[in-house]
Amino acid sequence: MNEQQQTLWGFMRQQSDKLLEQTIQHIGLTFISLFIAVLIGLPLGIFITRRKQFSGAILGIAGVLQTVPSIALLGFMIPVLGIGPKPAIAALLLYALLPIIRNTFTGIEGVDPAVKEAAMAMGMSKWQVLFKVELPLAMPVIFAGIRTATVITVGVATLASYIAAGGLGEFIFGGISLNNTNMILAGAIPAALLAVLFDFLLSRLQKLNIKKLKTATATLPLLLILLSSFYFIPSAYGSKLKAGFTPEFMGRQDGNLGLQQKYGLKIRTLVINDAVMYKAAYEKQLDVISGYSTDGRLKAYDLVVLEDDKKIFPPYYAAPIIRENSLKKFAGLEKILNLLAGKINDSIMTALNYRTDYLHQSPERVAKDFLVSNNLWRPARNGNAGIVRIGSKIFGEQYILANMYSMLIKGNSDYDVATKTGLGGTKICFDALTNDAIDFYPEYTGTGLLAILQPSQKTIDSLTGNKDATYNYVQDGFEKKYNIKWLKPIGFNNAYALMMREKQAKKLKIKTISDLKRYLESK
């Protein structure tokens, strides 16, 4: 336990600059959203105390907004506001509205009517009653609402990294993708501490007497503006072009680490989820993105792959990995899964991905069409001999493969299938496999080597460029260490690639990653 703590502390010290930057971004995102939410929520709460016929509708709408899953709300914002801080701030302030509006309404409504009548009898106007009687007396309740909104916003702000808005979510999702517990904790612990700290500070304000509370309330807007400005402190960067890389790509040797070490590439980088990364490049919000060599969105969004002239993106096999216990439990399953072995090359997988990623055809339809065209599809049998659990990561290619395997199992055996798709990054899928939550899922030998086995750099260098040697190494390592078997490769190579818009690459005369580096250094 002590060794684990030292390892975590060592990681956090090593990444202290980046951790500080992300913490500052996180604070800024939280308080920009909170400041706008207070500006909107406080007047709305006051308004519905005067126009009670609107209270049900306004509180109802705010309540419904808070029930929308945060990832979905961020997704709804992207078509309108693009990527980056704007959609993140919009989503966060919507989450913060309900407690602010509700507590403003409740606090003012809770003021003793006799006190308000006495104030009116003294000749105060309605506005004077509001600002000198109602709001000061209601302020502890209003502060309680702001406390709740702050804690909610700190937590939800971790998702901002999915749309290139920064924050501590970059470490969290990078750690999930890379199977790196220290990286997850490096983001999660500061986020939790921020929530506790801000809640404590606001609780102290809430307990002040009315005179001191008036002073605190007057300084609160200035404090919110100051904390909001934190978001823009780390944003200065000299690079003319802007890159968007996935959390996993950022932390891998065959990713951003390799780009920095072998190419010396220095480019302004935003961490972003691959679900929105391609469209952001197409809409000119990003200039360079990380991607996969078989991704169908290359064609969909007129992107071109930059030649990896220093060979940091080695070729890797895709193959199903399965628990040895599951192979014993389900007789004949290995033979069924290997029906797909060698059947899908790079161009076929790219075409299949294009249908799901751009044409928005369902993975089930794409999978069935492929199996039918290759005489592999069979009608489902009775499925009463047991249930095989299939997992997948959270992108189109994995959904397609999971559906193919599901149909092959149902058509060639008496087993039924339970699919657990969209399990997120490598860590979630692999943990589900080792914890017996699933029986198998499609994986990539490069990910198995770098993100799971994590051998020495000397071993990695000896395997780089040889996909058969890499396959043999991970097959042996997984069997010995995890009692998990790699089945036969499916046939296509799934390697990382750097991509740009084709027109932009031609205009800037960038064909290789070295060309990109030279262009950046010339500006």
Protein backbone atom coordinates (compact mmCIF):
# COMPACT_ATOMS: atom_id res chain seq x y z
CA MET A 1 0.00 0.00 0.00
CA ASN A 2 2.84 2.38 0.89
CA GLU A 3 4.60 1.52 -2.39
CA GLN A 4 1.40 2.31 -4.29
CA GLN A 5 1.12 5.68 -2.52
CA GLN A 6 4.75 6.49 -3.36
CA THR A 7 4.17 5.49 -6.96
CA LEU A 8 1.12 7.74 -7.16
CA TRP A 9 3.02 10.59 -5.48
CA GLY A 10 5.92 10.07 -7.87
CA PHE A 11 3.59 10.19 -10.86
CA MET A 12 1.94 13.37 -9.60
CA ARG A 13 5.34 15.00 -9.04
CA GLN A 14 6.45 13.97 -12.51
CA GLN A 15 3.28 15.43 -14.05
CA SER A 16 3.09 18.42 -11.69
CA ASP A 17 3.16 21.08 -14.43
CA LYS A 18 0.40 19.42 -16.39
CA LEU A 19 -1.57 18.68 -13.23
CA LEU A 20 -1.37 22.33 -12.17
CA GLU A 21 -2.52 23.47 -15.62
CA GLN A 22 -5.48 21.08 -15.61
CA THR A 23 -6.44 22.05 -12.06
CA ILE A 24 -6.42 25.72 -13.01
CA GLN A 25 -8.53 24.96 -16.09
CA HIS A 26 -10.92 22.95 -13.93
CA ILE A 27 -11.36 25.80 -11.45
CA GLY A 28 -11.89 28.24 -14.29
CA LEU A 29 -14.50 26.08 -16.03
CA THR A 30 -16.34 25.56 -12.74
CA PHE A 31 -16.56 29.22 -11.84
CA ILE A 32 -17.26 30.61 -15.31
CA SER A 33 -20.27 28.27 -15.41
CA LEU A 34 -21.24 29.05 -11.82
CA PHE A 35 -20.97 32.82 -12.35
CA ILE A 36 -23.28 32.72 -15.39
CA ALA A 37 -25.64 30.33 -13.56
CA VAL A 38 -25.92 32.76 -10.64
CA LEU A 39 -26.55 35.67 -13.05
CA ILE A 40 -29.40 33.69 -14.62
CA GLY A 41 -30.69 31.62 -11.69
CA LEU A 42 -30.92 34.34 -9.05
CA PRO A 43 -33.17 36.68 -11.11
CA LEU A 44 -35.27 33.70 -12.23
CA GLY A 45 -35.73 32.62 -8.62
CA ILE A 46 -36.78 36.15 -7.65
CA PHE A 47 -39.09 36.37 -10.67
CA ILE A 48 -41.06 33.24 -9.76
CA THR A 49 -41.62 34.55 -6.22
CA ARG A 50 -43.45 37.46 -7.84
CA ARG A 51 -45.11 35.44 -10.61
CA LYS A 52 -45.90 32.15 -8.94
CA GLN A 53 -47.90 30.91 -11.93
CA PHE A 54 -44.56 30.42 -13.73
CA SER A 55 -42.80 28.66 -10.84
CA GLY A 56 -43.90 25.15 -11.77
CA ALA A 57 -42.81 25.49 -15.42
CA ILE A 58 -39.43 27.12 -14.69
CA LEU A 59 -38.50 24.71 -11.89
CA GLY A 60 -39.76 21.81 -14.01
CA ILE A 61 -37.59 22.78 -16.99
CA ALA A 62 -34.53 23.25 -14.77
CA GLY A 63 -35.24 19.87 -13.18
CA VAL A 64 -35.54 18.13 -16.55
CA LEU A 65 -32.23 19.65 -17.72
CA GLN A 66 -30.51 18.17 -14.69
CA THR A 67 -31.83 14.68 -15.47
CA VAL A 68 -30.27 14.67 -18.97
CA PRO A 69 -27.06 12.59 -18.85
CA SER A 70 -24.07 14.93 -18.87
CA ILE A 71 -22.38 13.25 -21.87
CA ALA A 72 -25.61 13.57 -23.85
CA LEU A 73 -25.98 17.23 -22.88
CA LEU A 74 -22.43 17.92 -24.05
CA GLY A 75 -23.23 16.12 -27.30
CA PHE A 76 -26.34 18.26 -27.85
CA MET A 77 -24.22 21.39 -27.44
CA ILE A 78 -21.55 20.50 -29.99
CA PRO A 79 -23.60 21.09 -33.21
CA VAL A 80 -24.54 24.56 -31.91
CA LEU A 81 -21.37 25.70 -30.13
CA GLY A 82 -18.66 23.45 -31.58
CA ILE A 83 -15.94 21.97 -29.36
CA GLY A 84 -13.92 23.55 -26.58
CA PRO A 85 -15.01 25.61 -23.59
CA LYS A 86 -18.24 27.11 -24.98
CA PRO A 87 -20.34 23.89 -25.07
CA ALA A 88 -18.81 22.74 -21.78
CA ILE A 89 -19.68 26.02 -20.03
CA ALA A 90 -23.21 25.96 -21.47
CA ALA A 91 -23.79 22.40 -20.25
CA LEU A 92 -22.32 23.07 -16.80
CA LEU A 93 -24.36 26.20 -16.18
CA LEU A 94 -27.55 24.32 -17.11
CA TYR A 95 -26.70 21.71 -14.46
CA ALA A 96 -26.08 24.46 -11.90
CA LEU A 97 -29.37 26.30 -12.51
CA LEU A 98 -31.82 24.09 -10.62
CA PRO A 99 -30.35 24.39 -7.07
CA ILE A 100 -29.81 28.14 -7.50
CA ILE A 101 -33.32 28.86 -8.79
CA ARG A 102 -34.99 26.51 -6.31
CA ASN A 103 -33.12 27.80 -3.26
CA THR A 104 -33.65 31.45 -4.23
CA PHE A 105 -37.37 30.77 -4.53
CA THR A 106 -37.49 28.74 -1.30
CA GLY A 107 -35.38 31.25 0.64
CA ILE A 108 -37.47 34.29 -0.29
CA GLU A 109 -40.73 32.40 0.22
CA GLY A 110 -39.50 31.40 3.67
CA VAL A 111 -39.16 35.01 4.90
CA ASP A 112 -41.79 35.74 7.56
CA PRO A 113 -44.68 37.69 5.94
CA ALA A 114 -44.95 39.82 9.10
CA VAL A 115 -41.38 41.09 8.55
CA LYS A 116 -42.21 42.06 4.97
CA GLU A 117 -45.42 43.79 6.08
CA ALA A 118 -43.50 45.74 8.73
CA ALA A 119 -40.99 46.88 6.12
CA MET A 120 -43.79 48.01 3.80
CA ALA A 121 -45.44 49.83 6.71
CA MET A 122 -42.18 51.74 7.26
CA GLY A 123 -42.53 53.11 3.73
CA MET A 124 -40.13 50.81 1.88
CA SER A 125 -40.75 50.20 -1.82
CA LYS A 126 -41.02 46.68 -3.24
CA TRP A 127 -37.41 46.87 -4.46
CA GLN A 128 -36.20 48.04 -1.08
CA VAL A 129 -38.05 45.19 0.63
CA LEU A 130 -36.39 42.78 -1.79
CA PHE A 131 -32.83 44.04 -1.39
CA LYS A 132 -32.91 45.12 2.26
CA VAL A 133 -35.17 42.48 3.80
CA GLU A 134 -35.92 39.43 1.67
CA LEU A 135 -32.54 38.74 0.05
CA PRO A 136 -30.48 39.26 3.24
CA LEU A 137 -32.77 36.93 5.20
CA ALA A 138 -32.89 34.40 2.36
CA MET A 139 -29.13 34.50 1.71
CA PRO A 140 -28.20 31.45 3.85
CA VAL A 141 -30.65 29.32 1.83
CA ILE A 142 -29.43 30.85 -1.44
CA PHE A 143 -25.82 30.09 -0.46
CA ALA A 144 -26.85 26.48 0.20
CA GLY A 145 -28.08 26.30 -3.40
CA ILE A 146 -24.82 27.77 -4.69
CA ARG A 147 -22.90 25.21 -2.60
CA THR A 148 -24.87 22.38 -4.19
CA ALA A 149 -24.38 23.86 -7.68
CA THR A 150 -20.64 24.21 -7.07
CA VAL A 151 -20.16 20.56 -6.06
CA ILE A 152 -22.23 19.38 -9.05
CA THR A 153 -20.25 21.59 -11.43
CA VAL A 154 -16.85 20.44 -10.14
CA GLY A 155 -17.87 16.82 -10.72
CA VAL A 156 -19.45 17.25 -14.15
CA ALA A 157 -16.55 19.45 -15.32
CA THR A 158 -14.36 16.32 -15.49
CA LEU A 159 -16.30 15.41 -18.66
CA ALA A 160 -15.25 18.65 -20.37
CA SER A 161 -12.07 17.00 -21.64
CA TYR A 162 -14.20 14.84 -23.94
CA ILE A 163 -14.84 17.93 -26.06
CA ALA A 164 -11.40 19.57 -25.80
CA ALA A 165 -12.31 21.94 -22.96
CA GLY A 166 -9.49 20.76 -20.65
CA GLY A 167 -9.70 20.16 -16.93
CA LEU A 168 -8.83 17.20 -14.70
CA GLY A 169 -10.88 14.83 -16.86
CA GLU A 170 -7.87 14.60 -19.19
CA PHE A 171 -5.99 12.56 -16.58
CA ILE A 172 -9.05 10.53 -15.60
CA PHE A 173 -10.03 9.45 -19.11
CA GLY A 174 -6.43 9.05 -20.18
CA GLY A 175 -5.92 6.69 -17.25
CA ILE A 176 -9.05 4.70 -18.13
CA SER A 177 -7.87 4.36 -21.74
CA LEU A 178 -4.29 3.44 -20.79
CA ASN A 179 -5.11 1.10 -17.88
CA ASN A 180 -3.15 3.50 -15.62
CA THR A 181 -4.58 3.71 -12.10
CA ASN A 182 -2.11 6.41 -11.05
CA MET A 183 -3.24 8.63 -13.90
CA ILE A 184 -6.91 8.15 -12.95
CA LEU A 185 -6.20 9.03 -9.32
CA ALA A 186 -4.07 12.02 -10.34
CA GLY A 187 -7.19 13.53 -11.89
CA ALA A 188 -9.84 12.18 -9.52
CA ILE A 189 -8.18 13.14 -6.22
CA PRO A 190 -7.69 16.85 -7.04
CA ALA A 191 -11.24 17.02 -8.44
CA ALA A 192 -12.64 15.55 -5.23
CA LEU A 193 -10.50 17.86 -3.09
CA LEU A 194 -11.70 20.89 -5.07
CA ALA A 195 -15.32 19.90 -4.44
CA VAL A 196 -14.67 19.46 -0.70
CA LEU A 197 -12.69 22.71 -0.45
CA PHE A 198 -15.25 24.88 -2.27
CA ASP A 199 -18.13 23.32 -0.32
CA PHE A 200 -16.31 24.03 2.97
CA LEU A 201 -15.53 27.65 2.06
CA LEU A 202 -19.12 28.31 1.00
CA SER A 203 -20.40 26.64 4.18
CA ARG A 204 -18.35 29.13 6.22
CA LEU A 205 -19.88 32.01 4.26
CA GLN A 206 -23.33 30.56 4.80
CA LYS A 207 -22.85 30.69 8.60
CA LEU A 208 -21.87 34.37 8.76
CA ASN A 209 -24.20 36.85 10.45
CA ILE A 210 -26.33 39.09 8.22
CA LYS A 211 -23.96 42.08 8.36
CA LYS A 212 -20.90 40.05 7.41
CA LEU A 213 -22.96 38.08 4.88
CA LYS A 214 -23.86 41.31 3.08
CA THR A 215 -20.15 42.08 2.70
CA ALA A 216 -19.42 38.53 1.53
CA THR A 217 -22.29 38.69 -0.96
CA ALA A 218 -20.95 41.96 -2.37
CA THR A 219 -17.50 40.39 -2.92
CA LEU A 220 -18.83 37.08 -4.30
CA PRO A 221 -19.23 38.32 -7.92
CA LEU A 222 -15.63 39.63 -7.89
CA LEU A 223 -14.41 36.30 -6.49
CA LEU A 224 -16.31 34.35 -9.15
CA ILE A 225 -14.88 36.54 -11.93
CA LEU A 226 -11.36 36.10 -10.54
CA LEU A 227 -11.67 32.32 -10.33
CA SER A 228 -13.30 32.20 -13.77
CA SER A 229 -10.26 33.96 -15.27
CA PHE A 230 -8.11 30.99 -14.22
CA TYR A 231 -9.32 29.11 -17.28
CA PHE A 232 -7.49 31.45 -19.64
CA ILE A 233 -4.14 31.50 -17.81
CA PRO A 234 -2.73 28.27 -19.34
CA SER A 235 -4.15 28.91 -22.82
CA ALA A 236 -1.25 30.85 -24.27
CA TYR A 237 0.61 28.72 -26.82
CA GLY A 238 2.77 29.70 -29.75
CA SER A 239 1.79 27.03 -32.28
CA LYS A 240 -0.20 28.27 -35.25
CA LEU A 241 -1.90 24.92 -35.90
CA LYS A 242 -4.09 23.16 -33.34
CA ALA A 243 -4.14 19.40 -32.76
CA GLY A 244 -6.81 17.21 -31.17
CA PHE A 245 -5.61 13.92 -29.67
CA THR A 246 -7.57 11.25 -27.78
CA PRO A 247 -6.70 10.60 -24.10
CA GLU A 248 -5.19 7.22 -24.99
CA PHE A 249 -3.08 8.64 -27.83
CA MET A 250 -1.68 11.30 -25.48
CA GLY A 251 -0.08 8.75 -23.16
CA ARG A 252 1.23 6.07 -25.54
CA GLN A 253 4.69 5.53 -27.01
CA ASP A 254 3.09 4.86 -30.39
CA GLY A 255 1.22 8.14 -29.92
CA ASN A 256 2.00 11.63 -28.67
CA LEU A 257 4.99 10.48 -26.57
CA GLY A 258 6.59 9.06 -29.71
CA LEU A 259 5.80 12.23 -31.67
CA GLN A 260 7.63 14.30 -29.07
CA GLN A 261 10.60 11.97 -28.65
CA LYS A 262 11.32 10.93 -32.24
CA TYR A 263 9.98 13.89 -34.20
CA GLY A 264 10.35 16.64 -31.60
CA LEU A 265 6.85 17.74 -32.61
CA LYS A 266 5.60 20.77 -30.68
CA ILE A 267 2.02 21.68 -31.46
CA ARG A 268 -0.83 23.15 -29.42
CA THR A 269 -2.72 20.06 -28.29
CA LEU A 270 -6.26 19.62 -27.02
CA VAL A 271 -7.45 16.34 -25.50
CA ILE A 272 -10.72 15.26 -27.12
CA ASN A 273 -12.94 12.22 -27.48
CA ASP A 274 -12.66 10.52 -30.87
CA ALA A 275 -16.45 10.60 -31.30
CA VAL A 276 -16.29 14.36 -32.01
CA MET A 277 -12.66 14.71 -33.10
CA TYR A 278 -13.14 13.96 -36.81
CA LYS A 279 -16.03 16.35 -37.25
CA ALA A 280 -14.08 19.06 -35.42
CA ALA A 281 -11.28 18.63 -37.98
CA TYR A 282 -13.76 18.75 -40.85
CA GLU A 283 -15.30 21.95 -39.48
CA LYS A 284 -11.80 23.54 -39.19
CA GLN A 285 -11.85 23.69 -35.40
CA LEU A 286 -8.82 21.38 -35.37
CA ASP A 287 -5.99 21.16 -37.91
CA VAL A 288 -4.33 17.87 -36.96
CA ILE A 289 -5.93 14.86 -35.29
CA SER A 290 -4.97 11.40 -34.17
CA GLY A 291 -6.93 8.54 -35.66
CA TYR A 292 -6.88 4.95 -36.83
CA SER A 293 -5.66 3.73 -40.20
CA THR A 294 -8.92 1.85 -40.84
CA ASP A 295 -11.32 4.61 -39.76
CA GLY A 296 -14.18 5.21 -42.20
CA ARG A 297 -14.30 8.88 -41.32
CA LEU A 298 -11.12 9.47 -43.32
CA LYS A 299 -13.19 9.29 -46.48
CA ALA A 300 -16.26 10.89 -44.92
CA TYR A 301 -14.50 14.08 -43.86
CA ASP A 302 -11.92 14.44 -46.67
CA LEU A 303 -8.95 13.74 -44.42
CA VAL A 304 -5.51 12.58 -45.46
CA VAL A 305 -3.05 10.49 -43.42
CA LEU A 306 0.37 12.06 -42.97
CA GLU A 307 3.18 9.65 -43.80
CA ASP A 308 4.91 8.36 -40.68
CA ASP A 309 8.43 8.73 -42.11
CA LYS A 310 10.14 7.82 -38.81
CA LYS A 311 7.91 4.79 -38.20
CA ILE A 312 6.52 5.47 -34.72
CA PHE A 313 3.12 3.96 -35.60
CA PRO A 314 3.89 0.24 -36.00
CA PRO A 315 1.39 -2.15 -37.62
CA TYR A 316 -0.75 -4.17 -35.22
CA TYR A 317 -3.25 -7.02 -35.48
CA ALA A 318 -6.83 -6.96 -34.27
CA ALA A 319 -8.05 -10.19 -32.65
CA PRO A 320 -10.53 -11.41 -30.03
CA ILE A 321 -9.13 -12.09 -26.55
CA ILE A 322 -10.98 -14.61 -24.38
CA ARG A 323 -10.78 -16.08 -20.89
CA GLU A 324 -9.36 -19.62 -20.81
CA ASN A 325 -12.21 -20.57 -18.44
CA SER A 326 -14.73 -19.42 -21.06
CA LEU A 327 -13.12 -21.61 -23.72
CA LYS A 328 -13.51 -24.59 -21.37
CA LYS A 329 -17.08 -23.63 -20.48
CA PHE A 330 -18.27 -23.12 -24.08
CA ALA A 331 -17.13 -26.06 -26.17
CA GLY A 332 -16.45 -25.17 -29.81
CA LEU A 333 -16.47 -21.40 -29.17
CA GLU A 334 -12.86 -20.88 -30.27
CA LYS A 335 -13.56 -22.51 -33.64
CA ILE A 336 -16.64 -20.30 -34.14
CA LEU A 337 -14.78 -17.07 -33.29
CA ASN A 338 -11.95 -18.03 -35.64
CA LEU A 339 -14.41 -18.13 -38.56
CA LEU A 340 -13.68 -14.42 -38.86
CA ALA A 341 -9.89 -14.92 -38.86
CA GLY A 342 -8.21 -13.48 -41.95
CA LYS A 343 -11.52 -12.36 -43.45
CA ILE A 344 -11.27 -8.56 -42.98
CA ASN A 345 -8.36 -6.61 -44.48
CA ASP A 346 -7.66 -2.89 -44.05
CA SER A 347 -9.77 -1.70 -46.98
CA ILE A 348 -12.76 -3.86 -45.98
CA MET A 349 -12.66 -2.62 -42.38
CA THR A 350 -12.39 0.99 -43.58
CA ALA A 351 -15.46 0.50 -45.79
CA LEU A 352 -17.42 -1.09 -42.94
CA ASN A 353 -16.45 1.74 -40.58
CA TYR A 354 -17.52 4.30 -43.19
CA ARG A 355 -21.02 2.84 -43.21
CA THR A 356 -21.44 3.22 -39.45
CA ASP A 357 -19.39 6.37 -38.86
CA TYR A 358 -20.70 8.47 -41.74
CA LEU A 359 -23.71 6.79 -43.33
CA HIS A 360 -25.07 6.10 -39.82
CA GLN A 361 -26.11 2.56 -40.66
CA SER A 362 -26.57 0.35 -37.60
CA PRO A 363 -23.65 -1.92 -36.64
CA GLU A 364 -26.09 -4.86 -36.73
CA ARG A 365 -26.95 -4.21 -40.37
CA VAL A 366 -23.32 -3.69 -41.39
CA ALA A 367 -22.26 -6.88 -39.57
CA LYS A 368 -25.03 -8.98 -41.11
CA ASP A 369 -24.40 -7.68 -44.64
CA PHE A 370 -20.73 -8.63 -44.36
CA LEU A 371 -21.46 -12.11 -43.00
CA VAL A 372 -24.09 -12.77 -45.67
CA SER A 373 -21.75 -11.64 -48.47
CA ASN A 374 -19.05 -14.00 -47.18
CA ASN A 375 -21.41 -16.98 -46.65
CA LEU A 376 -20.88 -16.84 -42.89
CA TRP A 377 -24.36 -15.89 -41.76
CA ARG A 378 -26.68 -18.58 -40.35
CA PRO A 379 -30.12 -18.22 -38.75
CA ALA A 380 -30.00 -18.16 -34.96
CA ARG A 381 -30.56 -21.50 -33.22
CA ASN A 382 -32.50 -22.06 -29.99
CA GLY A 383 -29.80 -20.53 -27.74
CA ASN A 384 -30.53 -22.66 -24.67
CA ALA A 385 -27.03 -24.03 -23.99
CA GLY A 386 -25.65 -21.04 -22.11
CA ILE A 387 -24.95 -17.34 -22.56
CA VAL A 388 -21.69 -16.00 -24.00
CA ARG A 389 -20.98 -12.41 -22.87
CA ILE A 390 -19.34 -10.18 -25.48
CA GLY A 391 -17.79 -6.81 -24.62
CA SER A 392 -16.61 -3.94 -26.78
CA LYS A 393 -15.02 -0.53 -26.52
CA ILE A 394 -16.91 2.61 -27.36
CA PHE A 395 -16.37 3.15 -31.10
CA GLY A 396 -17.97 1.94 -34.31
CA GLU A 397 -15.41 -0.69 -35.32
CA GLN A 398 -15.82 -2.51 -32.02
CA TYR A 399 -19.63 -2.43 -32.29
CA ILE A 400 -19.42 -3.99 -35.77
CA LEU A 401 -17.05 -6.76 -34.64
CA ALA A 402 -19.12 -7.49 -31.51
CA ASN A 403 -22.24 -7.90 -33.67
CA MET A 404 -20.43 -10.16 -36.12
CA TYR A 405 -19.29 -12.43 -33.30
CA SER A 406 -22.77 -12.41 -31.79
CA MET A 407 -24.34 -13.56 -35.07
CA LEU A 408 -21.65 -16.19 -35.64
CA ILE A 409 -22.22 -17.66 -32.16
CA LYS A 410 -26.01 -17.68 -32.47
CA GLY A 411 -25.91 -19.19 -35.97
CA ASN A 412 -23.27 -21.85 -35.36
CA SER A 413 -24.05 -23.03 -31.82
CA ASP A 414 -26.84 -23.44 -29.31
CA TYR A 415 -25.41 -20.64 -27.17
CA ASP A 416 -27.20 -17.37 -26.62
CA VAL A 417 -25.32 -14.05 -26.45
CA ALA A 418 -25.37 -11.05 -24.09
CA THR A 419 -23.56 -8.04 -25.56
CA LYS A 420 -22.04 -5.43 -23.25
CA THR A 421 -20.99 -2.84 -25.79
CA GLY A 422 -19.65 0.64 -25.23
CA LEU A 423 -17.53 -0.24 -22.19
CA GLY A 424 -15.34 2.83 -22.67
CA GLY A 425 -11.56 2.54 -22.91
CA THR A 426 -9.08 -0.30 -22.56
CA LYS A 427 -9.08 -0.37 -18.75
CA ILE A 428 -12.84 -0.83 -18.43
CA CYS A 429 -12.98 -3.57 -21.07
CA PHE A 430 -9.95 -5.43 -19.78
CA ASP A 431 -11.04 -5.18 -16.15
CA ALA A 432 -14.45 -6.52 -17.15
CA LEU A 433 -12.70 -9.48 -18.80
CA THR A 434 -10.35 -10.26 -15.91
CA ASN A 435 -13.19 -9.89 -13.39
CA ASP A 436 -15.40 -12.37 -15.28
CA ALA A 437 -17.99 -9.75 -16.25
CA ILE A 438 -17.52 -10.65 -19.94
CA ASP A 439 -16.07 -13.68 -21.75
CA PHE A 440 -14.25 -11.96 -24.61
CA TYR A 441 -13.90 -8.75 -26.60
CA PRO A 442 -11.94 -7.58 -29.71
CA GLU A 443 -8.54 -6.08 -28.83
CA TYR A 444 -5.43 -4.86 -30.65
CA THR A 445 -1.94 -6.27 -30.15
CA GLY A 446 -0.44 -2.79 -29.82
CA THR A 447 -2.81 -1.94 -27.00
CA GLY A 448 -2.13 -5.29 -25.37
CA LEU A 449 1.60 -4.61 -25.54
CA LEU A 450 1.77 -0.96 -24.51
CA ALA A 451 -1.31 -0.36 -22.35
CA ILE A 452 -1.69 -3.73 -20.60
CA LEU A 453 1.60 -5.67 -20.52
CA GLN A 454 3.76 -2.50 -20.45
CA PRO A 455 7.16 -4.19 -21.01
CA SER A 456 10.53 -2.43 -20.93
CA GLN A 457 11.43 0.08 -23.63
CA LYS A 458 14.09 -2.35 -24.86
CA THR A 459 11.43 -5.02 -25.45
CA ILE A 460 9.12 -2.53 -27.16
CA ASP A 461 11.93 -1.40 -29.49
CA SER A 462 12.76 -5.01 -30.38
CA LEU A 463 9.15 -5.68 -31.38
CA THR A 464 8.39 -2.39 -33.16
CA GLY A 465 7.55 -2.86 -36.82
CA ASN A 466 7.04 -6.64 -36.60
CA LYS A 467 3.35 -7.36 -36.11
CA ASP A 468 3.85 -11.14 -35.95
CA ALA A 469 6.50 -10.82 -33.23
CA THR A 470 4.22 -8.43 -31.34
CA TYR A 471 1.30 -10.88 -31.64
CA ASN A 472 3.42 -13.78 -30.38
CA TYR A 473 4.72 -11.71 -27.46
CA VAL A 474 1.29 -10.55 -26.24
CA GLN A 475 -0.21 -14.00 -26.81
CA ASP A 476 2.43 -15.55 -24.56
CA GLY A 477 2.30 -12.71 -22.00
CA PHE A 478 -1.50 -12.71 -21.65
CA GLU A 479 -1.64 -16.47 -21.23
CA LYS A 480 1.02 -16.53 -18.52
CA LYS A 481 -0.03 -13.41 -16.63
CA TYR A 482 -3.82 -13.32 -17.01
CA ASN A 483 -4.90 -16.78 -18.26
CA ILE A 484 -6.36 -15.04 -21.31
CA LYS A 485 -5.92 -16.30 -24.87
CA TRP A 486 -5.48 -14.29 -28.06
CA LEU A 487 -7.33 -16.02 -30.90
CA LYS A 488 -6.34 -15.81 -34.56
CA PRO A 489 -5.98 -12.28 -36.02
CA ILE A 490 -9.01 -10.94 -37.87
CA GLY A 491 -6.79 -9.72 -40.71
CA PHE A 492 -6.71 -5.93 -40.66
CA ASN A 493 -4.01 -3.68 -39.27
CA ASN A 494 -5.26 -1.08 -36.81
CA ALA A 495 -2.51 1.45 -36.24
CA TYR A 496 -2.50 5.07 -35.16
CA ALA A 497 -2.14 7.82 -37.74
CA LEU A 498 -1.92 11.62 -37.87
CA MET A 499 -4.50 13.22 -40.15
CA MET A 500 -5.21 16.62 -41.68
CA ARG A 501 -7.84 18.02 -44.01
CA GLU A 502 -6.67 17.10 -47.51
CA LYS A 503 -7.04 20.65 -48.91
CA GLN A 504 -5.15 22.17 -45.98
CA ALA A 505 -2.34 19.60 -46.23
CA LYS A 506 -1.92 20.32 -49.96
CA LYS A 507 -2.00 24.08 -49.40
CA LEU A 508 0.69 23.90 -46.70
CA LYS A 509 2.66 21.23 -48.64
CA ILE A 510 2.53 18.80 -45.73
CA LYS A 511 2.78 15.14 -46.72
CA THR A 512 4.74 13.66 -43.82
CA ILE A 513 4.94 14.20 -40.08
CA SER A 514 8.42 15.66 -40.61
CA ASP A 515 6.88 18.17 -43.05
CA LEU A 516 4.42 19.13 -40.30
CA LYS A 517 7.29 19.66 -37.85
CA ARG A 518 9.20 21.84 -40.33
CA TYR A 519 6.09 23.93 -41.02
CA LEU A 520 5.51 24.51 -37.29
CA GLU A 521 9.15 25.50 -36.76
CA SER A 522 9.00 27.98 -39.63
CA LYS A 523 6.13 29.94 -38.03
